[in-house]
Amino acid sequence: MNSMPFPDLQDKIVLIYLANQCDEHNVVLENPRFEQQGDKLFIVGEFAEGTTANDWAAGIHTAVAWSNVEQYLVFNSLDEYFNRVSMAHENQTLQ
């Protein structure tokens, strides 16, 4: 079986929608990368500043099991992420 290469996420911001979770549980990662831990694949990185309530987790290392990811969006920078979120709020289209 041929495995597909992982996307290059270096220097990107990734918004992760978790399967079977409400939007309040979305994760925004800085420095994302894929990592094998045991027999499971994870996307790991740090919580991006300004993306958690009161920034209590900003900069904290976290890992999300790739099998729990329903969808993900890739942004070139944190500024781009915030600009897109702002547009969605203005248009009332934020998911």
N, C-alpha and C. Protein backbone atom coordinates (compact mmCIF):
# COMPACT_ATOMS: atom_id res chain seq x y z
N MET A 1 0.85 -1.18 0.00
CA MET A 1 0.00 0.00 0.00
C MET A 1 0.90 1.24 0.00
N ASN A 2 0.62 2.19 -0.88
CA ASN A 2 1.35 3.44 -0.93
C ASN A 2 0.72 4.43 0.04
N SER A 3 1.55 5.03 0.87
CA SER A 3 1.02 6.04 1.77
C SER A 3 1.16 7.41 1.12
N MET A 4 0.19 8.25 1.37
CA MET A 4 0.21 9.59 0.82
C MET A 4 1.07 10.47 1.70
N PRO A 5 1.80 11.41 1.10
CA PRO A 5 2.61 12.31 1.92
C PRO A 5 1.72 13.25 2.73
N PHE A 6 2.23 13.66 3.86
CA PHE A 6 1.49 14.61 4.70
C PHE A 6 1.66 16.01 4.12
N PRO A 7 0.67 16.88 4.31
CA PRO A 7 0.83 18.26 3.84
C PRO A 7 1.94 18.96 4.62
N ASP A 8 2.63 19.87 3.94
CA ASP A 8 3.68 20.65 4.60
C ASP A 8 3.02 21.81 5.32
N LEU A 9 3.02 21.76 6.63
CA LEU A 9 2.36 22.79 7.45
C LEU A 9 3.36 23.72 8.13
N GLN A 10 4.62 23.63 7.76
CA GLN A 10 5.65 24.46 8.38
C GLN A 10 5.30 25.93 8.22
N ASP A 11 5.39 26.69 9.32
CA ASP A 11 5.12 28.13 9.36
C ASP A 11 3.66 28.47 9.05
N LYS A 12 2.75 27.54 9.23
CA LYS A 12 1.33 27.76 8.98
C LYS A 12 0.56 27.78 10.30
N ILE A 13 -0.67 28.22 10.22
CA ILE A 13 -1.64 28.15 11.31
C ILE A 13 -2.73 27.18 10.85
N VAL A 14 -3.11 26.25 11.69
CA VAL A 14 -4.12 25.26 11.31
C VAL A 14 -5.29 25.33 12.29
N LEU A 15 -6.48 25.50 11.72
CA LEU A 15 -7.73 25.45 12.49
C LEU A 15 -8.28 24.04 12.32
N ILE A 16 -8.48 23.35 13.42
CA ILE A 16 -8.94 21.96 13.39
C ILE A 16 -10.36 21.88 13.93
N TYR A 17 -11.23 21.29 13.13
CA TYR A 17 -12.59 20.96 13.56
C TYR A 17 -12.58 19.50 14.00
N LEU A 18 -12.94 19.26 15.25
CA LEU A 18 -12.94 17.91 15.78
C LEU A 18 -14.24 17.19 15.47
N ALA A 19 -14.14 15.92 15.15
CA ALA A 19 -15.32 15.12 14.85
C ALA A 19 -16.22 15.03 16.08
N ASN A 20 -17.51 15.16 15.86
CA ASN A 20 -18.52 15.02 16.90
C ASN A 20 -18.35 16.00 18.06
N GLN A 21 -17.82 17.19 17.79
CA GLN A 21 -17.65 18.22 18.82
C GLN A 21 -18.25 19.53 18.31
N CYS A 22 -18.71 20.36 19.22
CA CYS A 22 -19.21 21.68 18.84
C CYS A 22 -18.03 22.59 18.52
N ASP A 23 -18.32 23.71 17.88
CA ASP A 23 -17.26 24.63 17.45
C ASP A 23 -16.44 25.20 18.60
N GLU A 24 -16.99 25.19 19.81
CA GLU A 24 -16.24 25.69 20.96
C GLU A 24 -15.00 24.84 21.24
N HIS A 25 -14.95 23.65 20.68
CA HIS A 25 -13.82 22.75 20.91
C HIS A 25 -12.85 22.73 19.74
N ASN A 26 -12.97 23.68 18.80
CA ASN A 26 -12.00 23.78 17.72
C ASN A 26 -10.63 24.08 18.29
N VAL A 27 -9.61 23.70 17.56
CA VAL A 27 -8.23 23.91 18.01
C VAL A 27 -7.50 24.69 16.93
N VAL A 28 -6.78 25.74 17.34
CA VAL A 28 -5.96 26.52 16.41
C VAL A 28 -4.51 26.32 16.83
N LEU A 29 -3.72 25.72 15.91
CA LEU A 29 -2.34 25.37 16.21
C LEU A 29 -1.34 26.24 15.47
N GLU A 30 -0.28 26.61 16.19
CA GLU A 30 0.91 27.19 15.58
C GLU A 30 1.96 26.09 15.53
N ASN A 31 2.88 26.19 14.58
CA ASN A 31 3.96 25.21 14.44
C ASN A 31 3.43 23.78 14.33
N PRO A 32 2.38 23.57 13.51
CA PRO A 32 1.81 22.22 13.42
C PRO A 32 2.73 21.26 12.65
N ARG A 33 2.66 20.02 13.06
CA ARG A 33 3.40 18.97 12.37
C ARG A 33 2.77 17.63 12.74
N PHE A 34 3.03 16.64 11.93
CA PHE A 34 2.52 15.31 12.20
C PHE A 34 3.54 14.51 12.98
N GLU A 35 3.02 13.69 13.89
CA GLU A 35 3.89 12.90 14.75
C GLU A 35 3.22 11.57 15.06
N GLN A 36 3.98 10.50 14.94
CA GLN A 36 3.51 9.18 15.31
C GLN A 36 3.79 8.97 16.79
N GLN A 37 2.77 8.63 17.56
CA GLN A 37 2.94 8.32 18.98
C GLN A 37 2.32 6.94 19.20
N GLY A 38 3.17 5.98 19.49
CA GLY A 38 2.67 4.61 19.59
C GLY A 38 2.16 4.19 18.22
N ASP A 39 0.94 3.70 18.20
CA ASP A 39 0.37 3.28 16.92
C ASP A 39 -0.62 4.29 16.35
N LYS A 40 -0.62 5.53 16.89
CA LYS A 40 -1.56 6.56 16.44
C LYS A 40 -0.83 7.75 15.85
N LEU A 41 -1.45 8.33 14.84
CA LEU A 41 -0.94 9.54 14.22
C LEU A 41 -1.59 10.76 14.86
N PHE A 42 -0.79 11.76 15.19
CA PHE A 42 -1.25 13.00 15.80
C PHE A 42 -0.79 14.18 14.98
N ILE A 43 -1.57 15.27 15.04
CA ILE A 43 -1.09 16.57 14.60
C ILE A 43 -0.77 17.33 15.88
N VAL A 44 0.46 17.78 16.01
CA VAL A 44 0.92 18.41 17.23
C VAL A 44 1.35 19.85 16.96
N GLY A 45 1.33 20.66 18.00
CA GLY A 45 1.74 22.05 17.89
C GLY A 45 1.44 22.77 19.19
N GLU A 46 1.40 24.09 19.12
CA GLU A 46 1.08 24.91 20.29
C GLU A 46 -0.21 25.67 20.03
N PHE A 47 -1.02 25.84 21.09
CA PHE A 47 -2.22 26.66 20.96
C PHE A 47 -1.80 28.07 20.56
N ALA A 48 -2.43 28.60 19.52
CA ALA A 48 -2.09 29.93 19.02
C ALA A 48 -2.62 31.01 19.97
N GLU A 49 -1.84 32.06 20.15
CA GLU A 49 -2.21 33.17 21.03
C GLU A 49 -3.48 33.84 20.50
N GLY A 50 -4.39 34.13 21.43
CA GLY A 50 -5.63 34.81 21.06
C GLY A 50 -6.74 33.90 20.60
N THR A 51 -6.54 32.58 20.72
CA THR A 51 -7.54 31.65 20.19
C THR A 51 -8.23 30.81 21.26
N THR A 52 -7.84 30.99 22.53
CA THR A 52 -8.52 30.30 23.61
C THR A 52 -9.05 31.34 24.58
N ALA A 53 -10.08 30.98 25.31
CA ALA A 53 -10.68 31.91 26.28
C ALA A 53 -9.61 32.40 27.25
N ASN A 54 -9.46 33.70 27.33
CA ASN A 54 -8.49 34.35 28.22
C ASN A 54 -7.05 33.94 27.94
N ASP A 55 -6.82 33.33 26.79
CA ASP A 55 -5.47 32.88 26.40
C ASP A 55 -4.82 31.98 27.43
N TRP A 56 -5.62 31.26 28.18
CA TRP A 56 -5.08 30.42 29.25
C TRP A 56 -4.17 29.32 28.72
N ALA A 57 -4.34 28.92 27.44
CA ALA A 57 -3.52 27.82 26.91
C ALA A 57 -2.53 28.29 25.84
N ALA A 58 -2.42 29.58 25.61
CA ALA A 58 -1.53 30.08 24.55
C ALA A 58 -0.11 29.56 24.75
N GLY A 59 0.44 29.01 23.68
CA GLY A 59 1.81 28.52 23.72
C GLY A 59 1.99 27.13 24.30
N ILE A 60 0.92 26.55 24.82
CA ILE A 60 1.00 25.22 25.41
C ILE A 60 1.02 24.16 24.30
N HIS A 61 1.94 23.22 24.42
CA HIS A 61 2.05 22.12 23.46
C HIS A 61 0.83 21.21 23.59
N THR A 62 0.27 20.81 22.45
CA THR A 62 -0.88 19.90 22.46
C THR A 62 -0.78 18.95 21.28
N ALA A 63 -1.53 17.88 21.35
CA ALA A 63 -1.59 16.89 20.28
C ALA A 63 -3.04 16.48 20.08
N VAL A 64 -3.45 16.40 18.83
CA VAL A 64 -4.80 15.98 18.47
C VAL A 64 -4.68 14.73 17.61
N ALA A 65 -5.36 13.67 18.02
CA ALA A 65 -5.34 12.44 17.22
C ALA A 65 -5.92 12.73 15.84
N TRP A 66 -5.17 12.39 14.81
CA TRP A 66 -5.60 12.67 13.43
C TRP A 66 -6.94 11.98 13.14
N SER A 67 -7.20 10.87 13.78
CA SER A 67 -8.47 10.16 13.57
C SER A 67 -9.67 10.94 14.11
N ASN A 68 -9.43 11.95 14.96
CA ASN A 68 -10.51 12.78 15.51
C ASN A 68 -10.74 14.06 14.72
N VAL A 69 -9.97 14.26 13.65
CA VAL A 69 -10.10 15.48 12.85
C VAL A 69 -11.16 15.27 11.77
N GLU A 70 -12.16 16.15 11.80
CA GLU A 70 -13.22 16.09 10.78
C GLU A 70 -12.84 16.96 9.57
N GLN A 71 -12.25 18.12 9.85
CA GLN A 71 -11.88 19.07 8.80
C GLN A 71 -10.78 19.95 9.36
N TYR A 72 -9.94 20.48 8.46
CA TYR A 72 -8.95 21.46 8.91
C TYR A 72 -8.76 22.53 7.84
N LEU A 73 -8.44 23.73 8.31
CA LEU A 73 -8.19 24.86 7.42
C LEU A 73 -6.77 25.33 7.68
N VAL A 74 -6.05 25.68 6.63
CA VAL A 74 -4.65 26.10 6.74
C VAL A 74 -4.56 27.59 6.38
N PHE A 75 -3.94 28.35 7.26
CA PHE A 75 -3.74 29.79 7.06
C PHE A 75 -2.24 30.08 7.01
N ASN A 76 -1.87 31.10 6.25
CA ASN A 76 -0.46 31.46 6.10
C ASN A 76 0.11 32.15 7.33
N SER A 77 -0.77 32.75 8.14
CA SER A 77 -0.30 33.47 9.33
C SER A 77 -1.45 33.60 10.32
N LEU A 78 -1.11 33.98 11.55
CA LEU A 78 -2.13 34.23 12.57
C LEU A 78 -2.96 35.44 12.18
N ASP A 79 -2.33 36.45 11.56
CA ASP A 79 -3.07 37.62 11.08
C ASP A 79 -4.13 37.22 10.06
N GLU A 80 -3.77 36.35 9.13
CA GLU A 80 -4.75 35.90 8.13
C GLU A 80 -5.91 35.18 8.82
N TYR A 81 -5.60 34.33 9.79
CA TYR A 81 -6.64 33.63 10.53
C TYR A 81 -7.61 34.63 11.17
N PHE A 82 -7.08 35.62 11.91
CA PHE A 82 -7.93 36.60 12.58
C PHE A 82 -8.72 37.44 11.58
N ASN A 83 -8.12 37.79 10.45
CA ASN A 83 -8.86 38.54 9.42
C ASN A 83 -10.02 37.73 8.88
N ARG A 84 -9.82 36.46 8.64
CA ARG A 84 -10.89 35.60 8.13
C ARG A 84 -11.99 35.41 9.17
N VAL A 85 -11.60 35.23 10.42
CA VAL A 85 -12.59 35.10 11.50
C VAL A 85 -13.40 36.38 11.61
N SER A 86 -12.74 37.53 11.50
CA SER A 86 -13.42 38.82 11.56
C SER A 86 -14.42 38.96 10.42
N MET A 87 -14.03 38.56 9.21
CA MET A 87 -14.94 38.61 8.06
C MET A 87 -16.16 37.73 8.30
N ALA A 88 -15.93 36.55 8.85
CA ALA A 88 -17.03 35.62 9.11
C ALA A 88 -18.00 36.20 10.13
N HIS A 89 -17.46 36.86 11.17
CA HIS A 89 -18.34 37.49 12.18
C HIS A 89 -19.15 38.62 11.56
N GLU A 90 -18.49 39.42 10.72
CA GLU A 90 -19.19 40.54 10.07
C GLU A 90 -20.30 40.04 9.17
N ASN A 91 -20.07 38.94 8.49
CA ASN A 91 -21.07 38.37 7.58
C ASN A 91 -21.98 37.35 8.25
N GLN A 92 -21.77 37.15 9.53
CA GLN A 92 -22.54 36.18 10.32
C GLN A 92 -22.53 34.80 9.68
N THR A 93 -21.33 34.41 9.21
CA THR A 93 -21.20 33.10 8.58
C THR A 93 -20.22 32.20 9.30
N LEU A 94 -19.81 32.59 10.50
CA LEU A 94 -18.85 31.77 11.24
C LEU A 94 -19.51 30.45 11.61
N GLN A 95 -18.80 29.37 11.30
CA GLN A 95 -19.32 28.03 11.65
C GLN A 95 -18.97 27.70 13.06
